[in-house]
Amino acid sequence: MGKRTKVVGIAGRFGPRYGATLRKRWKQIMEARYAEHTCPQCGIKGYVKRISVGLWKCEKCGAIFAGAAYVPVSGLNKAWSAKPQRR
């Protein structure tokens, strides 16, 4: 048997409901949310999980940091690094 949701991916569970545009938008957000993210403290990829809306935790080093709702790096914390700059 082949994959049944090759084009629609994670949004395949909605079937024909809610319209194509909303399903595509939801798919894009959810794929970004569940993608492997890099920890700003230790730099290891794949251990960052979302605790709640805007709070992220690295399972490897235990760092908890603020980010956007669906991705750990938003527009503001791209400009200012979470790591303290050493002199």
N, C-alpha and C. Protein backbone atom coordinates (compact mmCIF):
# COMPACT_ATOMS: atom_id res chain seq x y z
N MET A 1 0.83 -1.19 0.00
CA MET A 1 0.00 0.00 0.00
C MET A 1 0.87 1.25 0.00
N GLY A 2 0.43 2.25 -0.73
CA GLY A 2 1.17 3.50 -0.79
C GLY A 2 0.69 4.47 0.27
N LYS A 3 1.42 5.59 0.36
CA LYS A 3 1.01 6.63 1.30
C LYS A 3 -0.27 7.28 0.80
N ARG A 4 -1.19 7.50 1.70
CA ARG A 4 -2.46 8.10 1.30
C ARG A 4 -2.45 9.61 1.37
N THR A 5 -1.49 10.18 2.09
CA THR A 5 -1.46 11.63 2.25
C THR A 5 -0.17 12.22 1.69
N LYS A 6 0.19 11.84 0.48
CA LYS A 6 1.44 12.29 -0.10
C LYS A 6 1.48 13.81 -0.30
N VAL A 7 0.41 14.39 -0.77
CA VAL A 7 0.39 15.82 -1.06
C VAL A 7 0.00 16.62 0.18
N VAL A 8 -1.02 16.19 0.88
CA VAL A 8 -1.54 16.99 1.99
C VAL A 8 -0.79 16.77 3.28
N GLY A 9 -0.06 15.69 3.41
CA GLY A 9 0.78 15.46 4.58
C GLY A 9 -0.01 15.38 5.87
N ILE A 10 0.41 16.16 6.87
CA ILE A 10 -0.17 16.12 8.20
C ILE A 10 -1.62 16.60 8.20
N ALA A 11 -2.01 17.38 7.21
CA ALA A 11 -3.38 17.90 7.13
C ALA A 11 -4.34 16.88 6.51
N GLY A 12 -3.86 15.70 6.18
CA GLY A 12 -4.71 14.68 5.57
C GLY A 12 -5.81 14.20 6.49
N ARG A 13 -5.65 14.40 7.79
CA ARG A 13 -6.67 13.94 8.72
C ARG A 13 -7.96 14.75 8.64
N PHE A 14 -7.91 15.93 8.02
CA PHE A 14 -9.10 16.74 7.89
C PHE A 14 -9.97 16.34 6.70
N GLY A 15 -9.39 15.58 5.77
CA GLY A 15 -10.15 15.17 4.60
C GLY A 15 -10.55 16.37 3.76
N PRO A 16 -11.81 16.38 3.27
CA PRO A 16 -12.24 17.50 2.43
C PRO A 16 -12.76 18.70 3.23
N ARG A 17 -12.70 18.64 4.54
CA ARG A 17 -13.28 19.71 5.36
C ARG A 17 -12.38 20.92 5.46
N TYR A 18 -12.96 22.06 5.75
CA TYR A 18 -12.31 23.34 6.09
C TYR A 18 -11.68 24.09 4.92
N GLY A 19 -11.64 23.57 3.74
CA GLY A 19 -11.11 24.29 2.59
C GLY A 19 -9.62 24.10 2.40
N ALA A 20 -9.19 24.17 1.17
CA ALA A 20 -7.79 23.88 0.82
C ALA A 20 -6.83 24.91 1.39
N THR A 21 -7.21 26.18 1.36
CA THR A 21 -6.30 27.24 1.81
C THR A 21 -6.02 27.12 3.31
N LEU A 22 -7.05 26.88 4.10
CA LEU A 22 -6.85 26.74 5.54
C LEU A 22 -6.06 25.49 5.88
N ARG A 23 -6.28 24.41 5.16
CA ARG A 23 -5.51 23.19 5.41
C ARG A 23 -4.04 23.38 5.06
N LYS A 24 -3.74 24.09 3.98
CA LYS A 24 -2.35 24.36 3.60
C LYS A 24 -1.67 25.24 4.63
N ARG A 25 -2.37 26.25 5.12
CA ARG A 25 -1.82 27.15 6.12
C ARG A 25 -1.54 26.41 7.42
N TRP A 26 -2.49 25.56 7.84
CA TRP A 26 -2.34 24.77 9.05
C TRP A 26 -1.18 23.78 8.91
N LYS A 27 -1.05 23.18 7.74
CA LYS A 27 0.03 22.23 7.48
C LYS A 27 1.39 22.91 7.60
N GLN A 28 1.51 24.11 7.05
CA GLN A 28 2.78 24.84 7.10
C GLN A 28 3.16 25.16 8.55
N ILE A 29 2.20 25.59 9.37
CA ILE A 29 2.46 25.93 10.76
C ILE A 29 2.85 24.69 11.56
N MET A 30 2.11 23.60 11.38
CA MET A 30 2.38 22.39 12.15
C MET A 30 3.70 21.73 11.76
N GLU A 31 4.06 21.78 10.48
CA GLU A 31 5.34 21.23 10.07
C GLU A 31 6.50 22.04 10.66
N ALA A 32 6.33 23.36 10.76
CA ALA A 32 7.35 24.19 11.39
C ALA A 32 7.43 23.91 12.89
N ARG A 33 6.30 23.66 13.52
CA ARG A 33 6.26 23.41 14.96
C ARG A 33 6.97 22.10 15.31
N TYR A 34 6.73 21.05 14.55
CA TYR A 34 7.27 19.74 14.87
C TYR A 34 8.60 19.44 14.19
N ALA A 35 9.17 20.41 13.49
CA ALA A 35 10.48 20.22 12.86
C ALA A 35 11.56 20.16 13.95
N GLU A 36 12.73 19.67 13.58
CA GLU A 36 13.84 19.63 14.53
C GLU A 36 14.45 21.02 14.62
N HIS A 37 14.53 21.54 15.85
CA HIS A 37 15.05 22.88 16.08
C HIS A 37 16.38 22.80 16.81
N THR A 38 17.18 23.84 16.67
CA THR A 38 18.49 23.91 17.31
C THR A 38 18.39 24.68 18.62
N CYS A 39 19.01 24.16 19.66
CA CYS A 39 19.03 24.82 20.97
C CYS A 39 19.96 26.03 20.91
N PRO A 40 19.53 27.20 21.38
CA PRO A 40 20.40 28.37 21.36
C PRO A 40 21.51 28.32 22.41
N GLN A 41 21.36 27.48 23.43
CA GLN A 41 22.38 27.38 24.48
C GLN A 41 23.49 26.41 24.11
N CYS A 42 23.11 25.16 23.79
CA CYS A 42 24.14 24.14 23.53
C CYS A 42 24.37 23.89 22.04
N GLY A 43 23.46 24.34 21.18
CA GLY A 43 23.65 24.22 19.74
C GLY A 43 23.34 22.86 19.15
N ILE A 44 22.76 21.96 19.94
CA ILE A 44 22.44 20.62 19.45
C ILE A 44 21.06 20.64 18.82
N LYS A 45 20.91 19.95 17.70
CA LYS A 45 19.67 19.95 16.94
C LYS A 45 18.84 18.72 17.29
N GLY A 46 17.53 18.91 17.43
CA GLY A 46 16.62 17.79 17.59
C GLY A 46 16.13 17.55 19.00
N TYR A 47 16.59 18.30 19.99
CA TYR A 47 16.18 18.08 21.36
C TYR A 47 15.26 19.16 21.91
N VAL A 48 14.93 20.15 21.10
CA VAL A 48 14.09 21.26 21.56
C VAL A 48 12.63 20.89 21.41
N LYS A 49 11.89 20.95 22.52
CA LYS A 49 10.46 20.63 22.54
C LYS A 49 9.70 21.81 23.11
N ARG A 50 8.44 21.95 22.69
CA ARG A 50 7.61 23.04 23.17
C ARG A 50 6.94 22.64 24.47
N ILE A 51 7.08 23.47 25.51
CA ILE A 51 6.42 23.24 26.79
C ILE A 51 5.00 23.78 26.73
N SER A 52 4.87 25.03 26.35
CA SER A 52 3.58 25.69 26.17
C SER A 52 3.77 26.76 25.11
N VAL A 53 2.74 27.58 24.92
CA VAL A 53 2.81 28.60 23.87
C VAL A 53 3.94 29.58 24.19
N GLY A 54 4.96 29.59 23.36
CA GLY A 54 6.06 30.53 23.52
C GLY A 54 7.18 30.07 24.43
N LEU A 55 7.05 28.93 25.11
CA LEU A 55 8.10 28.42 25.97
C LEU A 55 8.66 27.12 25.39
N TRP A 56 9.97 27.06 25.28
CA TRP A 56 10.65 25.92 24.68
C TRP A 56 11.70 25.40 25.64
N LYS A 57 11.95 24.09 25.60
CA LYS A 57 12.92 23.47 26.49
C LYS A 57 13.82 22.53 25.69
N CYS A 58 15.12 22.61 25.98
CA CYS A 58 16.07 21.68 25.38
C CYS A 58 16.14 20.47 26.30
N GLU A 59 15.84 19.30 25.76
CA GLU A 59 15.87 18.07 26.55
C GLU A 59 17.29 17.66 26.89
N LYS A 60 18.26 18.12 26.15
CA LYS A 60 19.66 17.73 26.36
C LYS A 60 20.30 18.52 27.50
N CYS A 61 20.24 19.86 27.42
CA CYS A 61 20.92 20.67 28.43
C CYS A 61 19.98 21.24 29.48
N GLY A 62 18.66 21.13 29.26
CA GLY A 62 17.69 21.61 30.24
C GLY A 62 17.39 23.09 30.17
N ALA A 63 17.89 23.78 29.17
CA ALA A 63 17.65 25.22 29.04
C ALA A 63 16.20 25.48 28.65
N ILE A 64 15.57 26.42 29.33
CA ILE A 64 14.21 26.84 29.00
C ILE A 64 14.31 28.28 28.51
N PHE A 65 13.71 28.54 27.36
CA PHE A 65 13.80 29.87 26.77
C PHE A 65 12.50 30.23 26.08
N ALA A 66 12.32 31.53 25.86
CA ALA A 66 11.13 32.03 25.21
C ALA A 66 11.34 32.13 23.71
N GLY A 67 10.29 31.87 22.97
CA GLY A 67 10.34 31.97 21.52
C GLY A 67 8.98 32.35 21.01
N ALA A 68 8.72 32.03 19.78
CA ALA A 68 7.41 32.30 19.20
C ALA A 68 6.46 31.16 19.56
N ALA A 69 5.23 31.26 19.11
CA ALA A 69 4.23 30.26 19.47
C ALA A 69 4.50 28.91 18.82
N TYR A 70 4.94 28.91 17.58
CA TYR A 70 5.11 27.65 16.87
C TYR A 70 6.55 27.32 16.50
N VAL A 71 7.45 28.29 16.64
CA VAL A 71 8.88 28.05 16.39
C VAL A 71 9.67 28.68 17.53
N PRO A 72 10.80 28.10 17.92
CA PRO A 72 11.53 28.66 19.06
C PRO A 72 12.28 29.95 18.78
N VAL A 73 12.44 30.33 17.52
CA VAL A 73 13.15 31.56 17.20
C VAL A 73 12.20 32.49 16.45
N SER A 74 11.87 33.62 17.07
CA SER A 74 10.98 34.58 16.43
C SER A 74 11.82 35.70 15.82
N GLY A 75 11.16 36.71 15.30
CA GLY A 75 11.86 37.82 14.69
C GLY A 75 12.70 38.61 15.68
N LEU A 76 12.22 38.76 16.92
CA LEU A 76 12.95 39.54 17.90
C LEU A 76 14.16 38.80 18.43
N ASN A 77 14.01 37.52 18.78
CA ASN A 77 15.18 36.86 19.35
C ASN A 77 16.14 36.34 18.29
N LYS A 78 15.87 36.61 17.02
CA LYS A 78 16.89 36.41 15.99
C LYS A 78 17.90 37.54 16.06
N ALA A 79 17.41 38.74 16.39
CA ALA A 79 18.27 39.91 16.43
C ALA A 79 19.19 39.87 17.67
N TRP A 80 18.62 39.44 18.81
CA TRP A 80 19.41 39.36 20.05
C TRP A 80 19.58 37.90 20.41
N SER A 81 20.80 37.47 20.48
CA SER A 81 21.11 36.07 20.77
C SER A 81 20.79 35.75 22.21
N ALA A 82 20.39 34.50 22.48
CA ALA A 82 20.11 34.06 23.85
C ALA A 82 21.41 33.83 24.61
N LYS A 83 22.51 33.61 23.90
CA LYS A 83 23.79 33.40 24.57
C LYS A 83 24.36 34.73 25.00
N PRO A 84 24.88 34.81 26.23
CA PRO A 84 25.54 36.05 26.64
C PRO A 84 26.87 36.20 25.91
N GLN A 85 27.16 37.40 25.49
CA GLN A 85 28.40 37.66 24.76
C GLN A 85 29.54 37.85 25.75
N ARG A 86 30.59 37.06 25.62
CA ARG A 86 31.75 37.18 26.51
C ARG A 86 32.75 38.16 25.92
N ARG A 87 33.42 38.88 26.79
CA ARG A 87 34.41 39.85 26.35
C ARG A 87 35.77 39.45 26.78
